[in-house]
């Protein structure tokens, strides 16, 4: 059973997350010969001010 943990900065829409679930599931089924009902995907969202790139919080750097 493939299990995927996706860590991302919060702010994506429900539609974007649902599309990601579908595409990641499809990729795992194609590459690992898994069935869709075997695939588990978990999203962990991080507030922009709790994620830094190059020592600068994403919120402060304007990146997202």
PDB file of N, CA and C in Angstrom:
ATOM      1  N   UNK A   1       0.842  -1.170   0.000  1.00  0.00           N
ATOM      2  CA  UNK A   1       0.000   0.000   0.000  1.00  0.00           C
ATOM      3  C   UNK A   1       0.896   1.244   0.000  1.00  0.00           C
ATOM      4  N   UNK A   2       0.898   2.036  -1.092  1.00  0.00           N
ATOM      5  CA  UNK A   2       1.679   3.268  -1.124  1.00  0.00           C
ATOM      6  C   UNK A   2       1.074   4.326  -0.204  1.00  0.00           C
ATOM      7  N   UNK A   3       1.934   4.962   0.552  1.00  0.00           N
ATOM      8  CA  UNK A   3       1.524   6.058   1.429  1.00  0.00           C
ATOM      9  C   UNK A   3       2.396   7.265   1.098  1.00  0.00           C
ATOM     10  N   UNK A   4       1.762   8.396   0.794  1.00  0.00           N
ATOM     11  CA  UNK A   4       2.474   9.609   0.428  1.00  0.00           C
ATOM     12  C   UNK A   4       2.113  10.707   1.418  1.00  0.00           C
ATOM     13  N   UNK A   5       3.128  11.396   1.922  1.00  0.00           N
ATOM     14  CA  UNK A   5       2.923  12.533   2.799  1.00  0.00           C
ATOM     15  C   UNK A   5       3.382  13.772   2.042  1.00  0.00           C
ATOM     16  N   UNK A   6       2.473  14.710   1.796  1.00  0.00           N
ATOM     17  CA  UNK A   6       2.773  15.922   1.052  1.00  0.00           C
ATOM     18  C   UNK A   6       2.840  17.085   2.037  1.00  0.00           C
ATOM     19  N   UNK A   7       3.990  17.718   2.113  1.00  0.00           N
ATOM     20  CA  UNK A   7       4.173  18.895   2.962  1.00  0.00           C
ATOM     21  C   UNK A   7       4.150  20.107   2.056  1.00  0.00           C
ATOM     22  N   UNK A   8       3.241  21.037   2.327  1.00  0.00           N
ATOM     23  CA  UNK A   8       3.134  22.233   1.483  1.00  0.00           C
ATOM     24  C   UNK A   8       2.749  23.442   2.308  1.00  0.00           C
ATOM     25  N   UNK A   9       3.071  24.596   1.764  1.00  0.00           N
ATOM     26  CA  UNK A   9       2.669  25.845   2.399  1.00  0.00           C
ATOM     27  C   UNK A   9       1.164  25.991   2.220  1.00  0.00           C
ATOM     28  N   UNK A  10       0.474  26.371   3.275  1.00  0.00           N
ATOM     29  CA  UNK A  10      -0.979  26.466   3.205  1.00  0.00           C
ATOM     30  C   UNK A  10      -1.403  27.559   2.230  1.00  0.00           C
ATOM     31  N   UNK A  11      -2.619  27.413   1.745  1.00  0.00           N
ATOM     32  CA  UNK A  11      -3.178  28.430   0.873  1.00  0.00           C
ATOM     33  C   UNK A  11      -3.727  27.891  -0.442  1.00  0.00           C
ATOM     34  N   UNK A  12      -3.541  26.604  -0.710  1.00  0.00           N
ATOM     35  CA  UNK A  12      -4.092  26.032  -1.936  1.00  0.00           C
ATOM     36  C   UNK A  12      -5.584  25.781  -1.764  1.00  0.00           C
ATOM     37  N   UNK A  13      -6.290  25.832  -2.872  1.00  0.00           N
ATOM     38  CA  UNK A  13      -7.745  25.646  -2.830  1.00  0.00           C
ATOM     39  C   UNK A  13      -8.090  24.162  -2.716  1.00  0.00           C
ATOM     40  N   UNK A  14      -9.313  23.896  -2.353  1.00  0.00           N
ATOM     41  CA  UNK A  14      -9.812  22.524  -2.286  1.00  0.00           C
ATOM     42  C   UNK A  14      -9.688  21.859  -3.659  1.00  0.00           C
ATOM     43  N   UNK A  15     -10.009  22.607  -4.723  1.00  0.00           N
ATOM     44  CA  UNK A  15      -9.924  22.057  -6.075  1.00  0.00           C
ATOM     45  C   UNK A  15      -8.492  21.673  -6.429  1.00  0.00           C
ATOM     46  N   UNK A  16      -7.516  22.490  -6.037  1.00  0.00           N
ATOM     47  CA  UNK A  16      -6.113  22.162  -6.302  1.00  0.00           C
ATOM     48  C   UNK A  16      -5.692  20.901  -5.552  1.00  0.00           C
ATOM     49  N   UNK A  17      -6.088  20.797  -4.304  1.00  0.00           N
ATOM     50  CA  UNK A  17      -5.740  19.617  -3.510  1.00  0.00           C
ATOM     51  C   UNK A  17      -6.392  18.367  -4.094  1.00  0.00           C
ATOM     52  N   UNK A  18      -7.656  18.464  -4.486  1.00  0.00           N
ATOM     53  CA  UNK A  18      -8.350  17.316  -5.067  1.00  0.00           C
ATOM     54  C   UNK A  18      -7.684  16.888  -6.373  1.00  0.00           C
ATOM     55  N   UNK A  19      -7.267  17.851  -7.187  1.00  0.00           N
ATOM     56  CA  UNK A  19      -6.570  17.532  -8.443  1.00  0.00           C
ATOM     57  C   UNK A  19      -5.240  16.849  -8.150  1.00  0.00           C
ATOM     58  N   UNK A  20      -4.528  17.299  -7.133  1.00  0.00           N
ATOM     59  CA  UNK A  20      -3.264  16.680  -6.749  1.00  0.00           C
ATOM     60  C   UNK A  20      -3.496  15.246  -6.293  1.00  0.00           C
ATOM     61  N   UNK A  21      -4.525  15.015  -5.469  1.00  0.00           N
ATOM     62  CA  UNK A  21      -4.852  13.655  -5.027  1.00  0.00           C
ATOM     63  C   UNK A  21      -5.036  12.732  -6.234  1.00  0.00           C
ATOM     64  N   UNK A  22      -5.792  13.203  -7.219  1.00  0.00           N
ATOM     65  CA  UNK A  22      -6.088  12.398  -8.393  1.00  0.00           C
ATOM     66  C   UNK A  22      -4.821  12.085  -9.191  1.00  0.00           C
ATOM     67  N   UNK A  23      -4.004  13.098  -9.446  1.00  0.00           N
ATOM     68  CA  UNK A  23      -2.795  12.907 -10.260  1.00  0.00           C
ATOM     69  C   UNK A  23      -1.758  12.050  -9.548  1.00  0.00           C
ATOM     70  N   UNK A  24      -1.558  12.268  -8.248  1.00  0.00           N
ATOM     71  CA  UNK A  24      -0.585  11.464  -7.508  1.00  0.00           C
ATOM     72  C   UNK A  24      -1.052  10.013  -7.446  1.00  0.00           C
ATOM     73  N   UNK A  25      -2.335   9.809  -7.210  1.00  0.00           N
ATOM     74  CA  UNK A  25      -2.884   8.450  -7.195  1.00  0.00           C
ATOM     75  C   UNK A  25      -2.659   7.776  -8.544  1.00  0.00           C
ATOM     76  N   UNK A  26      -2.947   8.484  -9.607  1.00  0.00           N
ATOM     77  CA  UNK A  26      -2.753   7.942 -10.954  1.00  0.00           C
ATOM     78  C   UNK A  26      -1.287   7.566 -11.179  1.00  0.00           C
ATOM     79  N   UNK A  27      -0.360   8.444 -10.797  1.00  0.00           N
ATOM     80  CA  UNK A  27       1.066   8.173 -10.990  1.00  0.00           C
ATOM     81  C   UNK A  27       1.511   6.942 -10.202  1.00  0.00           C
ATOM     82  N   UNK A  28       1.048   6.825  -8.962  1.00  0.00           N
ATOM     83  CA  UNK A  28       1.425   5.670  -8.149  1.00  0.00           C
ATOM     84  C   UNK A  28       0.847   4.377  -8.712  1.00  0.00           C
ATOM     85  N   UNK A  29      -0.364   4.428  -9.189  1.00  0.00           N
ATOM     86  CA  UNK A  29      -0.976   3.226  -9.766  1.00  0.00           C
ATOM     87  C   UNK A  29      -0.220   2.787 -11.011  1.00  0.00           C
ATOM     88  N   UNK A  30       0.167   3.740 -11.841  1.00  0.00           N
ATOM     89  CA  UNK A  30       0.884   3.419 -13.075  1.00  0.00           C
ATOM     90  C   UNK A  30       2.297   2.912 -12.806  1.00  0.00           C
ATOM     91  N   UNK A  31       2.990   3.493 -11.853  1.00  0.00           N
ATOM     92  CA  UNK A  31       4.396   3.146 -11.640  1.00  0.00           C
ATOM     93  C   UNK A  31       4.603   2.008 -10.655  1.00  0.00           C
ATOM     94  N   UNK A  32       3.675   1.824  -9.724  1.00  0.00           N
ATOM     95  CA  UNK A  32       3.841   0.800  -8.693  1.00  0.00           C
ATOM     96  C   UNK A  32       2.864  -0.362  -8.834  1.00  0.00           C
ATOM     97  N   UNK A  33       2.067  -0.330  -9.878  1.00  0.00           N
ATOM     98  CA  UNK A  33       1.069  -1.366 -10.105  1.00  0.00           C
ATOM     99  C   UNK A  33       0.134  -1.504  -8.900  1.00  0.00           C
ATOM    100  N   UNK A  34      -0.239  -0.353  -8.347  1.00  0.00           N
ATOM    101  CA  UNK A  34      -1.156  -0.328  -7.200  1.00  0.00           C
ATOM    102  C   UNK A  34      -2.571  -0.036  -7.696  1.00  0.00           C
ATOM    103  N   UNK A  35      -3.531  -0.394  -6.885  1.00  0.00           N
ATOM    104  CA  UNK A  35      -4.922  -0.061  -7.170  1.00  0.00           C
ATOM    105  C   UNK A  35      -5.249   1.255  -6.461  1.00  0.00           C
ATOM    106  N   UNK A  36      -6.117   2.085  -7.042  1.00  0.00           N
ATOM    107  CA  UNK A  36      -6.437   3.377  -6.426  1.00  0.00           C
ATOM    108  C   UNK A  36      -6.870   3.263  -4.963  1.00  0.00           C
ATOM    109  N   UNK A  37      -7.616   2.209  -4.640  1.00  0.00           N
ATOM    110  CA  UNK A  37      -8.091   2.065  -3.255  1.00  0.00           C
ATOM    111  C   UNK A  37      -6.972   1.699  -2.284  1.00  0.00           C
ATOM    112  N   UNK A  38      -5.793   1.381  -2.807  1.00  0.00           N
ATOM    113  CA  UNK A  38      -4.641   1.080  -1.955  1.00  0.00           C
ATOM    114  C   UNK A  38      -3.800   2.323  -1.640  1.00  0.00           C
ATOM    115  N   UNK A  39      -4.004   3.380  -2.380  1.00  0.00           N
ATOM    116  CA  UNK A  39      -3.182   4.585  -2.247  1.00  0.00           C
ATOM    117  C   UNK A  39      -3.686   5.461  -1.105  1.00  0.00           C
ATOM    118  N   UNK A  40      -2.754   5.891  -0.268  1.00  0.00           N
ATOM    119  CA  UNK A  40      -3.052   6.803   0.848  1.00  0.00           C
ATOM    120  C   UNK A  40      -2.225   8.069   0.648  1.00  0.00           C
ATOM    121  N   UNK A  41      -2.872   9.235   0.740  1.00  0.00           N
ATOM    122  CA  UNK A  41      -2.174  10.509   0.601  1.00  0.00           C
ATOM    123  C   UNK A  41      -2.598  11.411   1.754  1.00  0.00           C
ATOM    124  N   UNK A  42      -1.610  12.008   2.399  1.00  0.00           N
ATOM    125  CA  UNK A  42      -1.869  12.906   3.520  1.00  0.00           C
ATOM    126  C   UNK A  42      -1.211  14.243   3.220  1.00  0.00           C
ATOM    127  N   UNK A  43      -1.946  15.315   3.430  1.00  0.00           N
ATOM    128  CA  UNK A  43      -1.398  16.663   3.270  1.00  0.00           C
ATOM    129  C   UNK A  43      -1.117  17.236   4.649  1.00  0.00           C
ATOM    130  N   UNK A  44       0.068  17.786   4.795  1.00  0.00           N
ATOM    131  CA  UNK A  44       0.406  18.573   5.974  1.00  0.00           C
ATOM    132  C   UNK A  44       0.665  19.991   5.489  1.00  0.00           C
ATOM    133  N   UNK A  45      -0.082  20.952   6.027  1.00  0.00           N
ATOM    134  CA  UNK A  45       0.072  22.337   5.600  1.00  0.00           C
ATOM    135  C   UNK A  45       0.827  23.138   6.658  1.00  0.00           C
ATOM    136  N   UNK A  46       1.734  23.965   6.166  1.00  0.00           N
ATOM    137  CA  UNK A  46       2.574  24.785   7.025  1.00  0.00           C
ATOM    138  C   UNK A  46       2.226  26.254   6.760  1.00  0.00           C
ATOM    139  N   UNK A  47       2.006  27.045   7.813  1.00  0.00           N
ATOM    140  CA  UNK A  47       1.776  28.471   7.601  1.00  0.00           C
ATOM    141  C   UNK A  47       3.008  29.110   6.941  1.00  0.00           C
ATOM    142  N   UNK A  48       2.814  30.054   6.023  1.00  0.00           N
ATOM    143  CA  UNK A  48       3.942  30.665   5.331  1.00  0.00           C
ATOM    144  C   UNK A  48       5.003  31.250   6.261  1.00  0.00           C
ATOM    145  N   UNK A  49       4.584  31.755   7.417  1.00  0.00           N
ATOM    146  CA  UNK A  49       5.564  32.345   8.338  1.00  0.00           C
ATOM    147  C   UNK A  49       6.323  31.288   9.139  1.00  0.00           C
ATOM    148  N   UNK A  50       5.975  30.013   8.965  1.00  0.00           N
ATOM    149  CA  UNK A  50       6.685  28.916   9.631  1.00  0.00           C
ATOM    150  C   UNK A  50       7.546  28.113   8.656  1.00  0.00           C
ATOM    151  N   UNK A  51       7.782  28.659   7.464  1.00  0.00           N
ATOM    152  CA  UNK A  51       8.583  27.976   6.445  1.00  0.00           C
ATOM    153  C   UNK A  51       9.548  29.003   5.864  1.00  0.00           C
ATOM    154  N   UNK A  52      10.819  28.650   5.845  1.00  0.00           N
ATOM    155  CA  UNK A  52      11.828  29.595   5.371  1.00  0.00           C
ATOM    156  C   UNK A  52      12.605  29.029   4.188  1.00  0.00           C
ATOM    157  N   UNK A  53      13.029  29.911   3.312  1.00  0.00           N
ATOM    158  CA  UNK A  53      13.905  29.581   2.197  1.00  0.00           C
ATOM    159  C   UNK A  53      15.118  30.495   2.297  1.00  0.00           C
ATOM    160  N   UNK A  54      16.290  29.908   2.401  1.00  0.00           N
ATOM    161  CA  UNK A  54      17.504  30.697   2.516  1.00  0.00           C
ATOM    162  C   UNK A  54      17.548  31.554   3.765  1.00  0.00           C
ATOM    163  N   UNK A  55      16.914  31.050   4.833  1.00  0.00           N
ATOM    164  CA  UNK A  55      16.919  31.771   6.103  1.00  0.00           C
ATOM    165  C   UNK A  55      15.882  32.869   6.216  1.00  0.00           C
ATOM    166  N   UNK A  56      15.021  33.003   5.210  1.00  0.00           N
ATOM    167  CA  UNK A  56      14.007  34.044   5.219  1.00  0.00           C
ATOM    168  C   UNK A  56      12.621  33.381   5.167  1.00  0.00           C
ATOM    169  N   UNK A  57      11.740  33.738   6.118  1.00  0.00           N
ATOM    170  CA  UNK A  57      10.393  33.171   6.075  1.00  0.00           C
ATOM    171  C   UNK A  57       9.724  33.464   4.738  1.00  0.00           C
ATOM    172  N   UNK A  58       9.023  32.480   4.199  1.00  0.00           N
ATOM    173  CA  UNK A  58       8.365  32.644   2.907  1.00  0.00           C
ATOM    174  C   UNK A  58       7.422  33.835   2.930  1.00  0.00           C
ATOM    175  N   UNK A  59       6.719  34.021   4.025  1.00  0.00           N
ATOM    176  CA  UNK A  59       5.784  35.132   4.139  1.00  0.00           C
ATOM    177  C   UNK A  59       6.521  36.456   3.955  1.00  0.00           C
ATOM    178  N   UNK A  60       7.696  36.593   4.525  1.00  0.00           N
ATOM    179  CA  UNK A  60       8.470  37.830   4.437  1.00  0.00           C
ATOM    180  C   UNK A  60       9.104  38.030   3.072  1.00  0.00           C
ATOM    181  N   UNK A  61       9.427  36.933   2.404  1.00  0.00           N
ATOM    182  CA  UNK A  61      10.151  37.032   1.130  1.00  0.00           C
ATOM    183  C   UNK A  61       9.211  37.276  -0.042  1.00  0.00           C
ATOM    184  N   UNK A  62       7.909  37.145   0.193  1.00  0.00           N
ATOM    185  CA  UNK A  62       6.944  37.330  -0.886  1.00  0.00           C
ATOM    186  C   UNK A  62       6.784  36.105  -1.764  1.00  0.00           C
ATOM    187  N   UNK A  63       7.515  35.028  -1.481  1.00  0.00           N
ATOM    188  CA  UNK A  63       7.403  33.780  -2.259  1.00  0.00           C
ATOM    189  C   UNK A  63       6.284  32.932  -1.693  1.00  0.00           C
ATOM    190  N   UNK A  64       5.681  32.167  -2.575  1.00  0.00           N
ATOM    191  CA  UNK A  64       4.632  31.237  -2.133  1.00  0.00           C
ATOM    192  C   UNK A  64       4.486  30.131  -3.104  1.00  0.00           C
TER     193      UNK A  64
END
